[in-house]
Protein backbone atom coordinates (compact mmCIF):
# COMPACT_ATOMS: atom_id res chain seq x y z
CA UNK A 1 -5.84 -33.54 27.12
CA UNK A 2 -3.24 -34.57 24.57
CA UNK A 3 0.20 -34.45 26.24
CA UNK A 4 2.02 -34.44 22.89
CA UNK A 5 1.08 -30.85 22.06
CA UNK A 6 2.45 -27.75 23.76
CA UNK A 7 0.18 -25.90 26.16
CA UNK A 8 -0.26 -22.17 25.60
CA UNK A 9 -0.74 -20.00 28.65
CA UNK A 10 -1.59 -16.34 28.96
CA UNK A 11 1.50 -14.21 28.99
CA UNK A 12 1.77 -10.49 28.51
CA UNK A 13 0.05 -8.03 26.20
CA UNK A 14 1.97 -5.99 23.63
CA UNK A 15 0.71 -2.74 22.12
CA UNK A 16 1.73 -2.27 18.48
CA UNK A 17 1.24 0.71 16.19
CA UNK A 18 0.78 -0.21 12.53
CA UNK A 19 0.91 2.49 9.89
CA UNK A 20 1.50 2.99 6.20
CA UNK A 21 4.49 5.05 5.17
CA UNK A 22 5.30 6.32 1.72
CA UNK A 23 8.82 5.74 0.42
CA UNK A 24 10.61 8.28 -1.76
CA UNK A 25 9.65 6.20 -4.82
CA UNK A 26 5.94 6.48 -3.91
CA UNK A 27 5.56 2.90 -2.72
CA UNK A 28 3.61 2.40 0.49
CA UNK A 29 4.88 -0.03 3.10
CA UNK A 30 3.62 -1.03 6.51
CA UNK A 31 5.62 0.03 9.53
CA UNK A 32 5.15 -1.66 12.91
CA UNK A 33 6.28 0.12 16.03
CA UNK A 34 6.19 -1.50 19.48
CA UNK A 35 4.56 0.76 22.07
CA UNK A 36 5.01 -1.32 25.23
CA UNK A 37 4.34 -4.60 26.98
CA UNK A 38 1.79 -4.88 29.80
CA UNK A 39 0.84 -7.47 32.41
CA UNK A 40 -2.92 -7.14 31.92
CA UNK A 41 -5.17 -6.65 28.94
CA UNK A 42 -6.80 -3.68 30.69
CA UNK A 43 -3.47 -1.85 31.01
CA UNK A 44 -2.68 -2.62 27.38
CA UNK A 45 -6.00 -1.19 26.12
CA UNK A 46 -5.62 1.98 28.22
CA UNK A 47 -2.15 2.47 26.77
CA UNK A 48 -3.38 1.72 23.24
CA UNK A 49 -6.08 4.38 23.63
CA UNK A 50 -3.47 6.94 24.76
CA UNK A 51 -1.22 6.09 21.79
CA UNK A 52 -4.18 6.34 19.41
CA UNK A 53 -5.08 9.75 20.86
CA UNK A 54 -1.53 11.04 20.39
CA UNK A 55 -1.41 9.75 16.82
CA UNK A 56 -4.84 11.28 16.13
CA UNK A 57 -3.53 14.67 17.36
CA UNK A 58 -0.44 14.39 15.12
CA UNK A 59 -2.51 13.42 12.08
CA UNK A 60 -5.00 16.20 12.85
CA UNK A 61 -2.20 18.79 12.66
CA UNK A 62 -1.19 17.39 9.26
CA UNK A 63 -4.83 17.36 8.08
CA UNK A 64 -5.22 21.06 8.94
CA UNK A 65 -2.93 21.78 5.99
CA UNK A 66 -5.72 20.47 3.73
CA UNK A 67 -9.06 21.72 5.13
CA UNK A 68 -11.09 19.86 2.49
CA UNK A 69 -9.89 16.44 3.70
CA UNK A 70 -12.43 14.20 5.50
CA UNK A 71 -12.41 14.37 9.30
CA UNK A 72 -10.16 12.06 11.30
CA UNK A 73 -11.76 9.65 13.70
CA UNK A 74 -10.69 7.03 16.22
CA UNK A 75 -12.66 3.81 15.83
CA UNK A 76 -12.78 1.31 18.69
CA UNK A 77 -12.23 -2.21 17.32
CA UNK A 78 -12.03 -5.70 18.75
CA UNK A 79 -8.21 -5.56 18.61
CA UNK A 80 -7.56 -1.93 19.60
CA UNK A 81 -8.12 1.31 17.71
CA UNK A 82 -8.13 2.39 14.07
CA UNK A 83 -7.42 5.95 12.97
CA UNK A 84 -9.56 6.59 9.91
CA UNK A 85 -10.01 9.42 7.47
CA UNK A 86 -13.06 8.65 5.38
CA UNK A 87 -12.65 5.05 4.23
CA UNK A 88 -8.87 5.07 4.63
CA UNK A 89 -7.24 3.52 7.69
CA UNK A 90 -4.21 5.70 8.37
CA UNK A 91 -2.94 3.83 11.42
CA UNK A 92 -3.88 1.09 13.85
CA UNK A 93 -2.96 0.62 17.48
CA UNK A 94 -3.51 -3.00 18.38
CA UNK A 95 -3.24 -5.11 21.51
CA UNK A 96 -1.58 -8.46 20.91
CA UNK A 97 -1.46 -11.26 23.47
CA UNK A 98 2.02 -12.70 23.81
CA UNK A 99 1.43 -16.27 24.92
CA UNK A 100 4.01 -18.48 26.50
CA UNK A 101 4.41 -22.17 25.69
CA UNK A 102 4.78 -24.83 28.36
CA UNK A 103 6.39 -28.12 27.41
CA UNK A 104 4.42 -31.23 28.18
């Protein structure tokens, strides 16, 4: 192994919620909200699923105002969960590994 490069080791797992928000001027921007940090990937994915379910319920209440809108669904992905309405991804809840660096 090359001792001149840092060594990455497994650290903790962060859960992040990514969503698009519309500004008053109509411009969309991405918002990232931290949802917690967990010791294991299993804990992080369980938490991500709970956050995705809560966000699905909130978006479902909004969608009821427009009954002709496509149904909302939670899609299991490699990185976490996507909340989709038709082809649009309304929000994502992702698990991100926070690695630590050891000096050589």
